[in-house]
Amino acid sequence: MLRPATTFMIVLVSALAHPVLATQGTVAPAKVSTELTDPIQQAVDKLQAVPGAYPAVSAVIVQGNAAPWIHIRGRLKADQAAEADADTLFYMASQTKSFMGLLGAVLDRKGVLPLDTTLSGIWPQLRLPAPADPHRITMADLLSHQEGLTTDTLNNVTAYVRDIPAAEYPHWLETETGTRDPGFRYANLGDLIYGAALETRTGRNWHDWLDAEVLQPLRLDHGITSRPSRMSPGRFAWNHQWDGKAWHALAPKPDALMHAAGGLFASGKAMATWMQANLGSAGAGGALDPSDFARAQQSVAVAHMSDGQINCDGYSLGWYSCSYKGQQALMHPGSYVGTVSVTVLVPSAHAGLALVVNSDSAMEGFELEVMKAFIGLATGQDGEAARLDAVVAAFPSRLAKTVDKRARAMAGSRADPSWGGWSWTPGKEELEACSGTFRNALFGPMIVGTASGEVTADIGARHLVLKPARPGLFAATDGTLEPAEPVTCHPDDGTIEWRHRVFRR
């Protein structure tokens, strides 16, 4: 069974075969059409009124050269009074890839890192599991998810634990990747490798390159960042999960987890400029060469997928190519624990929508229907208001199912007999034997200790609470609504095991 976020990614691939950068000569309306904005506003506002939907929503629509429509409502953190506004920074997750695709096109044109550069051209001694060949895998393959490699560990470490320095990538690519069937398969790995390759080739990391070559020229560096530590803490929306009765707030991602496949926070105001630049609105993207946008938007990978309404068969360097009711669009979604987002561009209508909510309450299905409706509304299709009414009406039931599924998963995990009945109360000596600093080459150090009566483990940016279950076995939770994971202490040999990895004292 695919996770919801994975399913959300899959259904957003489609059918463009040519660049869709709009022309500068498009006639602009005086303002964004209310026929486009009103149905979207009504849908997101009605949904927000449902308990457990989301604390805050940012909906932004652009149309031609009109002033953007920016509709932002709600709280940065559910239990605090501070309200979100056009400058609030929401985590964009995998939408980062559309920015990296544009960066790849710019650096290719400038000769800094040509897209036909191979992995062997970056790391001449690199060895990959057969049949993967570093002499054949290019930067373009990485950014279009056609590198033919797969990994679970590198995705997990970079998303939840620590940054992996560029110098470490050759080793981990050799030891932590496998091969898969050739062709397109969406994953984080390609963008992660591209970021490491860029730093290896130039000595500058992807954060600096993105700032210098994309964000600053487009005047987005004050509204989009890959380094949250450089922004005021009061600007960030927290992520949230709903347990059926209350919100669980999750702190914004730190710098260490802002990686090249999912490492941007963006404001509604900045996303308006970003969409206008990609659509070719007058002045919005003038600091960059139009060929850069065209290259980044050009479909280069084939993926035959469809949900029966959105038909999918393309991916560029960072955009899904999509068609709905015969209308073409570019899209990229993003999702992470406690947040869901998407951007969709409709070049024929010179229109774009950026939508993000700071919760993951069954939101993927809602945002997918909003995207379809937006494409239809922007191109004059019938029935889209009814589509929005239907998805709003169905949402309480979908949310209840999500809440129930999570609760059953957590209850089922807790009742698992492998926990030994939760009968262990470790003594002082047992706790001391399992405390201290333990190290694993991939995950880094794990610091185990006690604080406020709880046993805790810190692994990079991840903080776990360890509840004693049976002698030597702890149940680790991280504040999310996910089942506990086993952490096993072996005091006799000074090791701890987590996620099938051994950490040594």
Protein backbone atom coordinates (compact mmCIF):
# COMPACT_ATOMS: atom_id res chain seq x y z
CA MET A 1 0.00 0.00 0.00
CA LEU A 2 1.39 3.39 -0.99
CA ARG A 3 1.60 6.07 1.67
CA PRO A 4 -0.81 8.97 0.92
CA ALA A 5 2.02 11.40 0.19
CA THR A 6 3.51 8.92 -2.29
CA THR A 7 0.15 8.49 -3.99
CA PHE A 8 -0.19 12.27 -4.17
CA MET A 9 3.16 12.47 -5.98
CA ILE A 10 2.24 9.70 -8.42
CA VAL A 11 -1.04 11.17 -9.65
CA LEU A 12 0.57 14.47 -10.57
CA VAL A 13 2.58 13.34 -13.61
CA SER A 14 1.27 14.16 -17.11
CA ALA A 15 1.46 14.93 -20.80
CA LEU A 16 3.36 18.02 -21.96
CA ALA A 17 6.02 17.43 -24.57
CA HIS A 18 7.17 21.02 -25.08
CA PRO A 19 8.26 23.97 -22.93
CA VAL A 20 5.31 25.98 -21.68
CA LEU A 21 6.90 29.28 -20.77
CA ALA A 22 4.32 31.93 -21.55
CA THR A 23 5.12 34.90 -23.71
CA GLN A 24 5.75 38.40 -22.40
CA GLY A 25 3.07 39.75 -24.70
CA THR A 26 0.08 38.19 -22.92
CA VAL A 27 -2.67 40.75 -22.28
CA ALA A 28 -3.09 41.12 -18.53
CA PRO A 29 -6.42 41.57 -16.76
CA ALA A 30 -6.75 44.50 -14.34
CA LYS A 31 -7.05 42.01 -11.51
CA VAL A 32 -7.26 38.27 -11.05
CA SER A 33 -10.72 37.14 -12.15
CA THR A 34 -13.18 36.52 -9.33
CA GLU A 35 -14.49 33.58 -11.37
CA LEU A 36 -11.10 32.02 -10.64
CA THR A 37 -10.59 33.17 -7.05
CA ASP A 38 -14.07 32.99 -5.49
CA PRO A 39 -14.59 29.22 -5.79
CA ILE A 40 -11.10 28.54 -4.43
CA GLN A 41 -11.56 30.94 -1.53
CA GLN A 42 -14.94 29.49 -0.63
CA ALA A 43 -13.55 25.95 -0.67
CA VAL A 44 -10.50 26.61 1.50
CA ASP A 45 -12.49 28.73 3.97
CA LYS A 46 -15.26 26.14 4.31
CA LEU A 47 -12.70 23.42 4.85
CA GLN A 48 -10.82 25.44 7.44
CA ALA A 49 -14.04 25.66 9.46
CA VAL A 50 -14.01 21.85 9.85
CA PRO A 51 -12.35 20.93 13.18
CA GLY A 52 -9.02 19.26 12.45
CA ALA A 53 -8.63 20.51 8.86
CA TYR A 54 -5.76 22.98 9.23
CA PRO A 55 -4.72 25.85 11.49
CA ALA A 56 -3.56 27.99 8.54
CA VAL A 57 -3.90 28.09 4.77
CA SER A 58 -2.06 30.08 2.12
CA ALA A 59 -3.75 30.26 -1.28
CA VAL A 60 -2.14 32.40 -3.97
CA ILE A 61 -3.38 32.90 -7.54
CA VAL A 62 -1.69 34.79 -10.35
CA GLN A 63 -3.16 35.66 -13.72
CA GLY A 64 -1.19 37.53 -16.34
CA ASN A 65 0.41 40.70 -15.00
CA ALA A 66 -2.41 41.46 -12.56
CA ALA A 67 -1.62 41.99 -8.90
CA PRO A 68 -1.59 38.53 -7.29
CA TRP A 69 -4.56 37.32 -5.27
CA ILE A 70 -3.21 36.27 -1.86
CA HIS A 71 -5.60 34.68 0.61
CA ILE A 72 -4.02 33.64 3.91
CA ARG A 73 -5.98 32.72 7.02
CA GLY A 74 -5.22 31.09 10.34
CA ARG A 75 -2.60 30.63 13.01
CA LEU A 76 1.10 29.94 12.75
CA LYS A 77 0.74 27.53 15.68
CA ALA A 78 -2.63 26.18 16.72
CA ASP A 79 -2.26 27.01 20.43
CA GLN A 80 -0.97 30.54 19.91
CA ALA A 81 -2.64 33.73 18.74
CA ALA A 82 -0.13 34.83 16.05
CA GLU A 83 -1.81 34.97 12.64
CA ALA A 84 -0.30 33.97 9.31
CA ASP A 85 0.08 36.63 6.62
CA ALA A 86 1.60 37.13 3.16
CA ASP A 87 5.13 37.04 4.63
CA THR A 88 4.63 33.86 6.68
CA LEU A 89 7.06 31.11 5.71
CA PHE A 90 5.49 27.70 5.03
CA TYR A 91 7.61 24.59 4.41
CA MET A 92 7.41 23.66 0.71
CA ALA A 93 8.99 20.18 0.93
CA SER A 94 9.45 18.55 -2.50
CA GLN A 95 8.46 21.71 -4.37
CA THR A 96 12.15 22.50 -3.83
CA LYS A 97 12.81 20.30 -6.87
CA SER A 98 11.26 22.82 -9.27
CA PHE A 99 13.72 25.43 -7.98
CA MET A 100 16.63 22.99 -8.31
CA GLY A 101 15.58 22.24 -11.88
CA LEU A 102 15.78 25.93 -12.76
CA LEU A 103 19.16 26.18 -11.02
CA GLY A 104 20.36 23.18 -13.04
CA ALA A 105 19.30 24.90 -16.28
CA VAL A 106 21.04 28.17 -15.32
CA LEU A 107 24.29 26.44 -14.37
CA ASP A 108 24.19 24.37 -17.54
CA ARG A 109 23.86 27.49 -19.71
CA LYS A 110 26.72 29.17 -17.85
CA GLY A 111 28.95 26.12 -18.11
CA VAL A 112 29.30 25.78 -14.34
CA LEU A 113 27.84 22.27 -14.27
CA PRO A 114 26.63 21.08 -17.69
CA LEU A 115 23.64 18.80 -17.49
CA ASP A 116 25.42 16.17 -19.57
CA THR A 117 28.15 15.85 -16.91
CA THR A 118 28.27 12.25 -15.67
CA LEU A 119 28.76 10.96 -12.15
CA SER A 120 32.18 9.66 -13.16
CA GLY A 121 33.04 13.20 -14.26
CA ILE A 122 32.44 14.29 -10.65
CA TRP A 123 33.76 11.25 -8.80
CA PRO A 124 36.14 9.33 -11.14
CA GLN A 125 36.59 6.45 -8.68
CA LEU A 126 32.89 5.98 -7.96
CA ARG A 127 31.63 2.41 -8.12
CA LEU A 128 27.90 1.67 -8.21
CA PRO A 129 25.99 -1.60 -7.95
CA ALA A 130 25.64 -3.20 -11.39
CA PRO A 131 24.14 -2.51 -13.84
CA ALA A 132 24.22 1.17 -12.80
CA ASP A 133 27.08 2.89 -14.61
CA PRO A 134 28.49 6.20 -13.29
CA HIS A 135 29.87 6.87 -16.79
CA ARG A 136 26.31 7.04 -18.14
CA ILE A 137 24.29 8.71 -15.36
CA THR A 138 24.13 12.47 -16.03
CA MET A 139 23.08 15.52 -14.04
CA ALA A 140 19.95 15.69 -16.22
CA ASP A 141 19.16 12.09 -15.26
CA LEU A 142 19.45 13.01 -11.58
CA LEU A 143 17.12 16.01 -11.78
CA SER A 144 14.56 14.08 -13.86
CA HIS A 145 14.61 10.95 -11.62
CA GLN A 146 16.08 8.69 -14.29
CA GLU A 147 19.30 7.75 -12.53
CA GLY A 148 18.24 4.11 -12.03
CA LEU A 149 19.19 4.01 -8.35
CA THR A 150 17.16 3.51 -5.19
CA THR A 151 17.72 3.95 -1.47
CA ASP A 152 15.74 4.13 1.73
CA THR A 153 18.48 5.12 4.13
CA LEU A 154 19.83 8.24 2.42
CA ASN A 155 16.31 9.62 1.97
CA ASN A 156 15.51 8.98 5.63
CA VAL A 157 18.74 10.36 7.05
CA THR A 158 18.62 13.62 5.09
CA ALA A 159 14.90 14.20 5.73
CA TYR A 160 14.82 13.42 9.45
CA VAL A 161 18.26 13.09 11.00
CA ARG A 162 21.23 15.03 9.59
CA ASP A 163 22.84 16.65 6.59
CA ILE A 164 25.15 14.35 4.65
CA PRO A 165 28.25 16.30 3.55
CA ALA A 166 29.09 16.15 -0.15
CA ALA A 167 32.40 14.42 0.59
CA GLU A 168 30.52 11.42 2.02
CA TYR A 169 28.34 10.77 -1.02
CA PRO A 170 30.70 8.48 -2.98
CA HIS A 171 30.92 6.10 -0.02
CA TRP A 172 27.21 6.05 0.70
CA LEU A 173 26.28 5.72 -2.96
CA GLU A 174 28.45 2.63 -3.13
CA THR A 175 27.12 1.08 0.09
CA GLU A 176 23.54 2.36 0.52
CA THR A 177 22.02 2.32 -2.96
CA GLY A 178 20.58 -0.42 -5.10
CA THR A 179 19.43 -0.51 -8.70
CA ARG A 180 15.94 -0.45 -10.16
CA ASP A 181 14.34 -0.70 -13.56
CA PRO A 182 15.46 2.09 -15.91
CA GLY A 183 13.34 5.14 -16.58
CA PHE A 184 11.44 7.58 -14.42
CA ARG A 185 10.69 6.91 -10.78
CA TYR A 186 10.03 9.82 -8.47
CA ALA A 187 12.31 9.97 -5.39
CA ASN A 188 14.58 12.34 -3.50
CA LEU A 189 17.83 10.62 -4.38
CA GLY A 190 18.56 12.32 -7.71
CA ASP A 191 18.32 15.86 -6.32
CA LEU A 192 20.37 14.87 -3.28
CA ILE A 193 23.15 13.57 -5.53
CA TYR A 194 22.95 16.64 -7.78
CA GLY A 195 23.44 18.92 -4.77
CA ALA A 196 26.48 16.94 -3.64
CA ALA A 197 27.90 16.85 -7.18
CA LEU A 198 27.50 20.61 -7.52
CA GLU A 199 29.42 21.24 -4.31
CA THR A 200 32.11 18.72 -5.26
CA ARG A 201 32.60 20.36 -8.68
CA THR A 202 32.55 23.99 -7.51
CA GLY A 203 33.39 24.06 -3.80
CA ARG A 204 30.10 25.93 -3.11
CA ASN A 205 27.02 24.24 -1.76
CA TRP A 206 23.61 24.23 -3.43
CA HIS A 207 22.20 26.72 -0.89
CA ASP A 208 24.68 29.39 -2.00
CA TRP A 209 24.22 28.63 -5.69
CA LEU A 210 20.42 28.77 -5.44
CA ASP A 211 20.58 32.08 -3.60
CA ALA A 212 23.00 33.64 -6.09
CA GLU A 213 21.60 32.31 -9.36
CA VAL A 214 17.83 32.05 -8.75
CA LEU A 215 16.48 33.63 -5.57
CA GLN A 216 18.45 36.87 -5.59
CA PRO A 217 17.99 37.62 -9.32
CA LEU A 218 14.24 37.07 -8.92
CA ARG A 219 14.25 39.13 -5.69
CA LEU A 220 12.95 36.15 -3.75
CA ASP A 221 15.71 35.85 -1.14
CA HIS A 222 13.63 37.63 1.53
CA GLY A 223 10.61 35.42 0.97
CA ILE A 224 12.16 32.04 0.16
CA THR A 225 14.97 30.44 2.14
CA SER A 226 16.83 27.17 2.46
CA ARG A 227 18.38 28.33 5.74
CA PRO A 228 15.60 28.97 8.29
CA SER A 229 18.13 30.12 10.91
CA ARG A 230 18.59 33.32 8.87
CA MET A 231 14.92 34.32 9.19
CA SER A 232 12.98 35.60 12.19
CA PRO A 233 11.45 32.65 14.13
CA GLY A 234 8.15 34.55 14.24
CA ARG A 235 7.70 34.22 10.48
CA PHE A 236 7.37 30.41 10.38
CA ALA A 237 4.23 28.32 10.29
CA TRP A 238 4.48 25.19 12.42
CA ASN A 239 3.37 21.84 11.02
CA HIS A 240 0.41 20.04 12.63
CA GLN A 241 -1.25 16.65 13.01
CA TRP A 242 -4.79 16.08 14.29
CA ASP A 243 -5.58 13.20 16.65
CA GLY A 244 -9.36 13.64 16.55
CA LYS A 245 -9.49 15.92 19.57
CA ALA A 246 -6.44 18.16 19.54
CA TRP A 247 -3.58 19.44 17.40
CA HIS A 248 -0.03 18.14 17.76
CA ALA A 249 2.33 20.94 16.70
CA LEU A 250 5.69 20.12 15.13
CA ALA A 251 8.51 22.66 15.09
CA PRO A 252 9.76 24.04 11.75
CA LYS A 253 12.61 22.13 10.14
CA PRO A 254 16.13 23.24 11.18
CA ASP A 255 18.95 24.05 8.77
CA ALA A 256 20.44 20.55 9.08
CA LEU A 257 17.39 18.97 7.44
CA MET A 258 17.00 21.42 4.56
CA HIS A 259 18.27 19.24 1.74
CA ALA A 260 18.29 19.69 -2.03
CA ALA A 261 15.21 17.51 -2.58
CA GLY A 262 13.07 19.22 0.07
CA GLY A 263 14.70 22.26 1.59
CA LEU A 264 12.73 25.48 1.13
CA PHE A 265 10.40 27.67 3.16
CA ALA A 266 8.39 30.19 1.13
CA SER A 267 5.91 32.99 1.74
CA GLY A 268 2.71 33.52 -0.19
CA LYS A 269 4.02 36.79 -1.54
CA ALA A 270 7.20 35.13 -2.83
CA MET A 271 5.30 32.23 -4.39
CA ALA A 272 3.30 34.74 -6.42
CA THR A 273 6.52 36.12 -7.90
CA TRP A 274 7.85 32.60 -8.47
CA MET A 275 4.76 31.62 -10.47
CA GLN A 276 4.77 34.84 -12.47
CA ALA A 277 8.43 34.29 -13.36
CA ASN A 278 7.74 30.76 -14.58
CA LEU A 279 4.74 31.97 -16.58
CA GLY A 280 6.74 34.75 -18.19
CA SER A 281 4.88 37.71 -16.73
CA ALA A 282 6.46 41.02 -17.68
CA GLY A 283 9.42 41.81 -15.46
CA ALA A 284 8.94 38.91 -13.05
CA GLY A 285 11.58 36.66 -14.56
CA GLY A 286 13.55 39.22 -16.54
CA ALA A 287 16.69 38.71 -14.48
CA LEU A 288 17.05 35.20 -15.90
CA ASP A 289 17.30 34.02 -19.49
CA PRO A 290 13.93 32.78 -20.83
CA SER A 291 15.75 29.70 -22.11
CA ASP A 292 16.46 28.72 -18.50
CA PHE A 293 12.75 28.47 -17.72
CA ALA A 294 12.10 26.65 -20.98
CA ARG A 295 14.86 24.13 -20.26
CA ALA A 296 13.64 23.54 -16.71
CA GLN A 297 10.05 23.02 -17.90
CA GLN A 298 10.80 20.79 -20.91
CA SER A 299 9.54 17.22 -20.36
CA VAL A 300 12.41 14.75 -20.59
CA ALA A 301 11.06 11.68 -18.76
CA VAL A 302 8.09 9.46 -19.53
CA ALA A 303 5.76 8.16 -16.84
CA HIS A 304 2.47 6.50 -17.78
CA MET A 305 0.14 7.29 -14.89
CA SER A 306 -3.42 8.51 -14.54
CA ASP A 307 -6.23 8.71 -12.02
CA GLY A 308 -8.76 8.72 -14.83
CA GLN A 309 -9.09 12.51 -14.82
CA ILE A 310 -5.57 13.89 -14.74
CA ASN A 311 -3.56 11.99 -17.34
CA CYS A 312 0.14 11.76 -16.71
CA ASP A 313 3.15 10.89 -18.79
CA GLY A 314 5.90 13.49 -18.29
CA TYR A 315 8.44 15.03 -15.97
CA SER A 316 11.00 17.75 -16.66
CA LEU A 317 13.98 18.82 -14.52
CA GLY A 318 11.60 19.65 -11.69
CA TRP A 319 7.99 19.87 -12.88
CA TYR A 320 5.33 17.27 -13.53
CA SER A 321 3.71 17.78 -16.95
CA CYS A 322 -0.05 17.34 -16.71
CA SER A 323 -3.28 17.46 -18.68
CA TYR A 324 -6.86 17.70 -17.45
CA LYS A 325 -9.90 17.94 -19.73
CA GLY A 326 -7.51 18.52 -22.60
CA GLN A 327 -5.85 21.45 -20.83
CA GLN A 328 -2.13 21.35 -20.10
CA ALA A 329 -0.40 22.34 -16.89
CA LEU A 330 2.79 22.08 -14.88
CA MET A 331 2.62 20.94 -11.28
CA HIS A 332 4.74 20.05 -8.32
CA PRO A 333 3.43 18.98 -4.93
CA GLY A 334 5.16 18.78 -1.58
CA SER A 335 4.39 16.90 1.61
CA TYR A 336 6.06 16.26 4.94
CA VAL A 337 4.87 15.34 8.39
CA GLY A 338 2.22 17.93 9.21
CA THR A 339 2.11 19.91 5.94
CA VAL A 340 0.94 19.56 2.32
CA SER A 341 1.48 21.96 -0.58
CA VAL A 342 1.24 22.25 -4.34
CA THR A 343 1.90 24.68 -7.18
CA VAL A 344 0.11 24.39 -10.53
CA LEU A 345 0.73 26.53 -13.62
CA VAL A 346 -1.71 26.77 -16.55
CA PRO A 347 0.27 28.45 -19.35
CA SER A 348 -2.62 28.76 -21.82
CA ALA A 349 -4.49 30.87 -19.24
CA HIS A 350 -1.31 32.52 -17.98
CA ALA A 351 -2.46 31.52 -14.49
CA GLY A 352 -1.01 29.78 -11.46
CA LEU A 353 -2.08 28.54 -8.04
CA ALA A 354 0.11 27.93 -4.99
CA LEU A 355 -1.70 26.25 -2.11
CA VAL A 356 -0.23 25.15 1.22
CA VAL A 357 -1.76 24.16 4.56
CA ASN A 358 0.09 23.52 7.81
CA SER A 359 -1.46 20.13 8.53
CA ASP A 360 -1.58 16.69 6.90
CA SER A 361 -5.22 15.95 7.77
CA ALA A 362 -6.21 13.92 4.69
CA MET A 363 -5.10 16.92 2.66
CA GLU A 364 -3.60 15.19 -0.38
CA GLY A 365 -7.01 14.25 -1.78
CA PHE A 366 -8.38 17.73 -1.17
CA GLU A 367 -5.46 19.48 -2.86
CA LEU A 368 -5.63 17.13 -5.85
CA GLU A 369 -9.28 18.07 -6.41
CA VAL A 370 -8.49 21.77 -5.98
CA MET A 371 -5.78 21.46 -8.63
CA LYS A 372 -8.19 19.89 -11.09
CA ALA A 373 -10.77 22.56 -10.35
CA PHE A 374 -8.20 25.33 -10.80
CA ILE A 375 -7.13 24.06 -14.21
CA GLY A 376 -10.78 23.82 -15.21
CA LEU A 377 -11.71 27.24 -13.86
CA ALA A 378 -8.70 28.88 -15.49
CA THR A 379 -9.64 27.45 -18.88
CA GLY A 380 -13.41 27.92 -18.74
CA GLN A 381 -14.44 24.33 -18.08
CA ASP A 382 -17.84 23.47 -16.61
CA GLY A 383 -18.54 21.68 -13.36
CA GLU A 384 -15.51 22.79 -11.34
CA ALA A 385 -17.46 24.64 -8.63
CA ALA A 386 -19.46 21.46 -8.09
CA ARG A 387 -16.19 19.51 -7.85
CA LEU A 388 -15.05 21.81 -5.04
CA ASP A 389 -18.40 21.54 -3.25
CA ALA A 390 -18.16 17.76 -3.42
CA VAL A 391 -14.65 17.51 -2.04
CA VAL A 392 -15.49 19.87 0.83
CA ALA A 393 -18.62 17.86 1.65
CA ALA A 394 -16.64 14.60 1.63
CA PHE A 395 -13.79 15.93 3.75
CA PRO A 396 -15.15 15.24 7.27
CA SER A 397 -15.56 11.58 6.40
CA ARG A 398 -12.07 11.40 4.87
CA LEU A 399 -10.57 13.08 7.92
CA ALA A 400 -12.38 10.70 10.28
CA LYS A 401 -10.95 7.74 8.37
CA THR A 402 -7.44 9.21 8.58
CA VAL A 403 -7.77 9.80 12.32
CA ASP A 404 -9.17 6.31 12.87
CA LYS A 405 -6.44 4.69 10.78
CA ARG A 406 -3.73 6.45 12.77
CA ALA A 407 -5.34 5.59 16.09
CA ARG A 408 -5.71 1.92 15.14
CA ALA A 409 -2.11 1.76 13.96
CA MET A 410 -0.83 3.22 17.22
CA ALA A 411 -3.11 1.02 19.35
CA GLY A 412 -2.15 -2.07 17.38
CA SER A 413 1.52 -1.30 17.77
CA ARG A 414 1.18 -0.79 21.51
CA ALA A 415 -0.65 -4.13 21.88
CA ASP A 416 2.07 -6.02 19.99
CA PRO A 417 3.34 -8.84 22.25
CA SER A 418 6.94 -8.10 21.23
CA TRP A 419 6.89 -5.21 23.71
CA GLY A 420 6.62 -7.75 26.51
CA GLY A 421 3.60 -6.26 28.24
CA TRP A 422 5.32 -2.97 29.14
CA SER A 423 6.39 -4.46 32.46
CA TRP A 424 9.99 -3.23 32.66
CA THR A 425 11.00 -0.55 35.13
CA PRO A 426 14.77 -0.16 34.67
CA GLY A 427 16.89 0.58 37.71
CA LYS A 428 19.62 3.20 37.96
CA GLU A 429 22.38 0.83 36.88
CA GLU A 430 20.37 -0.40 33.88
CA LEU A 431 19.72 3.16 32.74
CA GLU A 432 23.37 4.11 33.18
CA ALA A 433 24.42 1.08 31.11
CA CYS A 434 22.20 2.30 28.26
CA SER A 435 23.14 5.98 28.55
CA GLY A 436 25.92 7.96 26.92
CA THR A 437 27.02 8.64 23.37
CA PHE A 438 26.76 5.88 20.78
CA ARG A 439 27.87 6.24 17.17
CA ASN A 440 26.85 4.93 13.78
CA ALA A 441 28.72 5.89 10.62
CA LEU A 442 25.57 6.71 8.61
CA PHE A 443 23.24 8.20 11.20
CA GLY A 444 25.92 9.85 13.34
CA PRO A 445 25.97 10.03 17.15
CA MET A 446 23.05 8.99 19.35
CA ILE A 447 23.06 10.69 22.75
CA VAL A 448 21.00 8.78 25.31
CA GLY A 449 20.18 10.18 28.72
CA THR A 450 17.41 11.09 31.13
CA ALA A 451 15.60 14.42 31.32
CA SER A 452 12.58 15.30 33.47
CA GLY A 453 12.11 11.66 34.35
CA GLU A 454 12.13 10.50 30.72
CA VAL A 455 14.74 8.50 28.84
CA THR A 456 15.57 10.37 25.63
CA ALA A 457 17.74 9.83 22.57
CA ASP A 458 18.97 12.61 20.28
CA ILE A 459 20.15 11.54 16.83
CA GLY A 460 21.13 14.59 14.83
CA ALA A 461 18.03 16.76 14.58
CA ARG A 462 15.75 13.96 15.74
CA HIS A 463 14.59 13.83 19.37
CA LEU A 464 13.14 10.54 20.61
CA VAL A 465 11.46 9.68 23.91
CA LEU A 466 12.28 6.12 24.95
CA LYS A 467 9.65 4.31 27.00
CA PRO A 468 10.84 1.10 28.73
CA ALA A 469 8.97 -1.95 27.43
CA ARG A 470 10.85 -5.11 28.46
CA PRO A 471 14.44 -5.57 29.64
CA GLY A 472 16.73 -3.96 27.07
CA LEU A 473 13.88 -2.82 24.80
CA PHE A 474 12.56 0.73 24.56
CA ALA A 475 9.71 2.13 22.47
CA ALA A 476 10.81 5.31 20.70
CA THR A 477 8.37 8.08 19.80
CA ASP A 478 9.13 11.46 18.21
CA GLY A 479 6.04 13.55 18.90
CA THR A 480 4.27 12.57 15.67
CA LEU A 481 1.17 10.40 15.40
CA GLU A 482 3.17 7.39 14.27
CA PRO A 483 3.60 4.00 16.00
CA ALA A 484 6.61 3.62 18.29
CA GLU A 485 9.84 2.16 16.94
CA PRO A 486 12.00 -0.37 18.84
CA VAL A 487 15.32 0.73 20.30
CA THR A 488 17.30 -2.14 21.79
CA CYS A 489 20.08 -1.68 24.33
CA HIS A 490 22.83 -4.30 24.62
CA PRO A 491 24.77 -3.24 27.73
CA ASP A 492 27.14 -6.22 27.62
CA ASP A 493 28.76 -5.08 24.37
CA GLY A 494 28.02 -1.35 24.68
CA THR A 495 25.72 -1.06 21.69
CA ILE A 496 22.26 0.22 20.85
CA GLU A 497 20.25 -0.89 17.83
CA TRP A 498 17.76 1.37 16.02
CA ARG A 499 16.34 0.91 12.53
CA HIS A 500 18.48 -2.19 12.09
CA ARG A 501 21.62 -0.11 12.62
CA VAL A 502 24.12 -0.65 15.40
CA PHE A 503 25.36 2.35 17.39
CA ARG A 504 28.53 1.69 19.40
CA ARG A 505 29.60 3.46 22.56
